[in-house]
Amino acid sequence: MKAIIMLLAGIVKKRQKAFTQSGLETIEGVGAKRRQALLKYLGGMQGVKNATLDEIASVPGISKSVSGKIFEALKKLEQ
């Protein structure tokens, strides 16, 4: 019985982690502050995914070079 409970707890934890990760965590140069700014400024993860390179670069705290990394990484994630 204890093994089943531990198994289910592990499954739940794994699903929660997958649900809360946006993909932005894996991009070099994007920490918590930039991630929050992107999500807030562009209206959530869907807005970030649909954003153009210039829209990403217009987010406060995001430089042109970092916006390029973000844009390319998101395009790779979609494939």
C-alpha atoms as a PDB file:
ATOM      1  CA  MET A   1       0.000   0.000   0.000  1.00  0.00           C
ATOM      2  CA  LYS A   2       2.802   2.408   0.911  1.00  0.00           C
ATOM      3  CA  ALA A   3       4.533   1.722  -2.418  1.00  0.00           C
ATOM      4  CA  ILE A   4       1.364   2.604  -4.341  1.00  0.00           C
ATOM      5  CA  ILE A   5       1.002   5.879  -2.461  1.00  0.00           C
ATOM      6  CA  MET A   6       4.626   6.793  -3.155  1.00  0.00           C
ATOM      7  CA  LEU A   7       4.197   5.878  -6.819  1.00  0.00           C
ATOM      8  CA  LEU A   8       1.109   8.065  -7.149  1.00  0.00           C
ATOM      9  CA  ALA A   9       2.796  10.938  -5.336  1.00  0.00           C
ATOM     10  CA  GLY A  10       5.701  10.734  -7.790  1.00  0.00           C
ATOM     11  CA  ILE A  11       3.351  10.764 -10.763  1.00  0.00           C
ATOM     12  CA  VAL A  12       1.456  13.781  -9.426  1.00  0.00           C
ATOM     13  CA  LYS A  13       4.697  15.672  -8.758  1.00  0.00           C
ATOM     14  CA  LYS A  14       5.972  14.955 -12.265  1.00  0.00           C
ATOM     15  CA  ARG A  15       2.701  16.129 -13.853  1.00  0.00           C
ATOM     16  CA  GLN A  16       2.680  19.322 -11.789  1.00  0.00           C
ATOM     17  CA  LYS A  17       6.259  20.105 -12.814  1.00  0.00           C
ATOM     18  CA  ALA A  18       5.433  19.583 -16.488  1.00  0.00           C
ATOM     19  CA  PHE A  19       2.375  21.807 -16.147  1.00  0.00           C
ATOM     20  CA  THR A  20       4.190  24.673 -14.434  1.00  0.00           C
ATOM     21  CA  GLN A  21       7.202  24.774 -16.758  1.00  0.00           C
ATOM     22  CA  SER A  22       6.748  27.014 -19.758  1.00  0.00           C
ATOM     23  CA  GLY A  23       9.847  26.200 -21.742  1.00  0.00           C
ATOM     24  CA  LEU A  24      11.346  29.586 -20.961  1.00  0.00           C
ATOM     25  CA  GLU A  25      13.298  28.002 -18.104  1.00  0.00           C
ATOM     26  CA  THR A  26      15.584  26.216 -20.542  1.00  0.00           C
ATOM     27  CA  ILE A  27      16.673  29.331 -22.460  1.00  0.00           C
ATOM     28  CA  GLU A  28      20.111  30.651 -21.557  1.00  0.00           C
ATOM     29  CA  GLY A  29      19.957  34.227 -20.313  1.00  0.00           C
ATOM     30  CA  VAL A  30      16.320  34.041 -19.220  1.00  0.00           C
ATOM     31  CA  GLY A  31      15.934  33.957 -15.473  1.00  0.00           C
ATOM     32  CA  ALA A  32      12.938  34.454 -13.258  1.00  0.00           C
ATOM     33  CA  LYS A  33      12.723  38.241 -13.738  1.00  0.00           C
ATOM     34  CA  ARG A  34      12.924  38.143 -17.517  1.00  0.00           C
ATOM     35  CA  ARG A  35      10.497  35.226 -17.633  1.00  0.00           C
ATOM     36  CA  GLN A  36       7.986  37.171 -15.529  1.00  0.00           C
ATOM     37  CA  ALA A  37       8.429  40.273 -17.675  1.00  0.00           C
ATOM     38  CA  LEU A  38       7.843  38.289 -20.879  1.00  0.00           C
ATOM     39  CA  LEU A  39       4.728  36.601 -19.553  1.00  0.00           C
ATOM     40  CA  LYS A  40       3.306  39.819 -18.110  1.00  0.00           C
ATOM     41  CA  TYR A  41       4.101  42.084 -21.059  1.00  0.00           C
ATOM     42  CA  LEU A  42       3.026  39.647 -23.779  1.00  0.00           C
ATOM     43  CA  GLY A  43      -0.046  38.300 -21.976  1.00  0.00           C
ATOM     44  CA  GLY A  44       1.028  34.785 -20.998  1.00  0.00           C
ATOM     45  CA  MET A  45       2.804  31.912 -22.637  1.00  0.00           C
ATOM     46  CA  GLN A  46       0.578  31.891 -25.712  1.00  0.00           C
ATOM     47  CA  GLY A  47       1.420  35.543 -26.305  1.00  0.00           C
ATOM     48  CA  VAL A  48       5.121  34.817 -25.945  1.00  0.00           C
ATOM     49  CA  LYS A  49       4.919  31.908 -28.391  1.00  0.00           C
ATOM     50  CA  ASN A  50       3.063  34.038 -30.956  1.00  0.00           C
ATOM     51  CA  ALA A  51       5.266  37.124 -30.517  1.00  0.00           C
ATOM     52  CA  THR A  52       7.536  38.407 -33.242  1.00  0.00           C
ATOM     53  CA  LEU A  53      11.216  39.072 -32.665  1.00  0.00           C
ATOM     54  CA  ASP A  54      10.537  42.823 -32.388  1.00  0.00           C
ATOM     55  CA  GLU A  55       7.711  42.282 -29.889  1.00  0.00           C
ATOM     56  CA  ILE A  56       9.993  40.185 -27.683  1.00  0.00           C
ATOM     57  CA  ALA A  57      12.734  42.822 -27.958  1.00  0.00           C
ATOM     58  CA  SER A  58      10.275  45.515 -26.862  1.00  0.00           C
ATOM     59  CA  VAL A  59       9.755  43.875 -23.463  1.00  0.00           C
ATOM     60  CA  PRO A  60      11.516  45.909 -20.752  1.00  0.00           C
ATOM     61  CA  GLY A  61      14.736  44.188 -19.685  1.00  0.00           C
ATOM     62  CA  ILE A  62      15.060  42.102 -22.856  1.00  0.00           C
ATOM     63  CA  SER A  63      17.947  43.079 -25.142  1.00  0.00           C
ATOM     64  CA  LYS A  64      18.043  42.478 -28.884  1.00  0.00           C
ATOM     65  CA  SER A  65      20.516  39.609 -28.484  1.00  0.00           C
ATOM     66  CA  VAL A  66      18.489  37.895 -25.745  1.00  0.00           C
ATOM     67  CA  SER A  67      15.292  38.367 -27.753  1.00  0.00           C
ATOM     68  CA  GLY A  68      16.938  36.513 -30.635  1.00  0.00           C
ATOM     69  CA  LYS A  69      17.826  33.592 -28.350  1.00  0.00           C
ATOM     70  CA  ILE A  70      14.280  33.495 -26.986  1.00  0.00           C
ATOM     71  CA  PHE A  71      12.700  33.677 -30.438  1.00  0.00           C
ATOM     72  CA  GLU A  72      14.879  30.867 -31.833  1.00  0.00           C
ATOM     73  CA  ALA A  73      14.405  28.652 -28.759  1.00  0.00           C
ATOM     74  CA  LEU A  74      10.626  29.013 -28.895  1.00  0.00           C
ATOM     75  CA  LYS A  75      10.557  28.134 -32.582  1.00  0.00           C
ATOM     76  CA  LYS A  76      12.564  24.971 -31.822  1.00  0.00           C
ATOM     77  CA  LEU A  77      10.147  24.033 -29.031  1.00  0.00           C
ATOM     78  CA  GLU A  78       7.204  24.266 -31.409  1.00  0.00           C
ATOM     79  CA  GLN A  79       8.684  21.714 -33.803  1.00  0.00           C
END
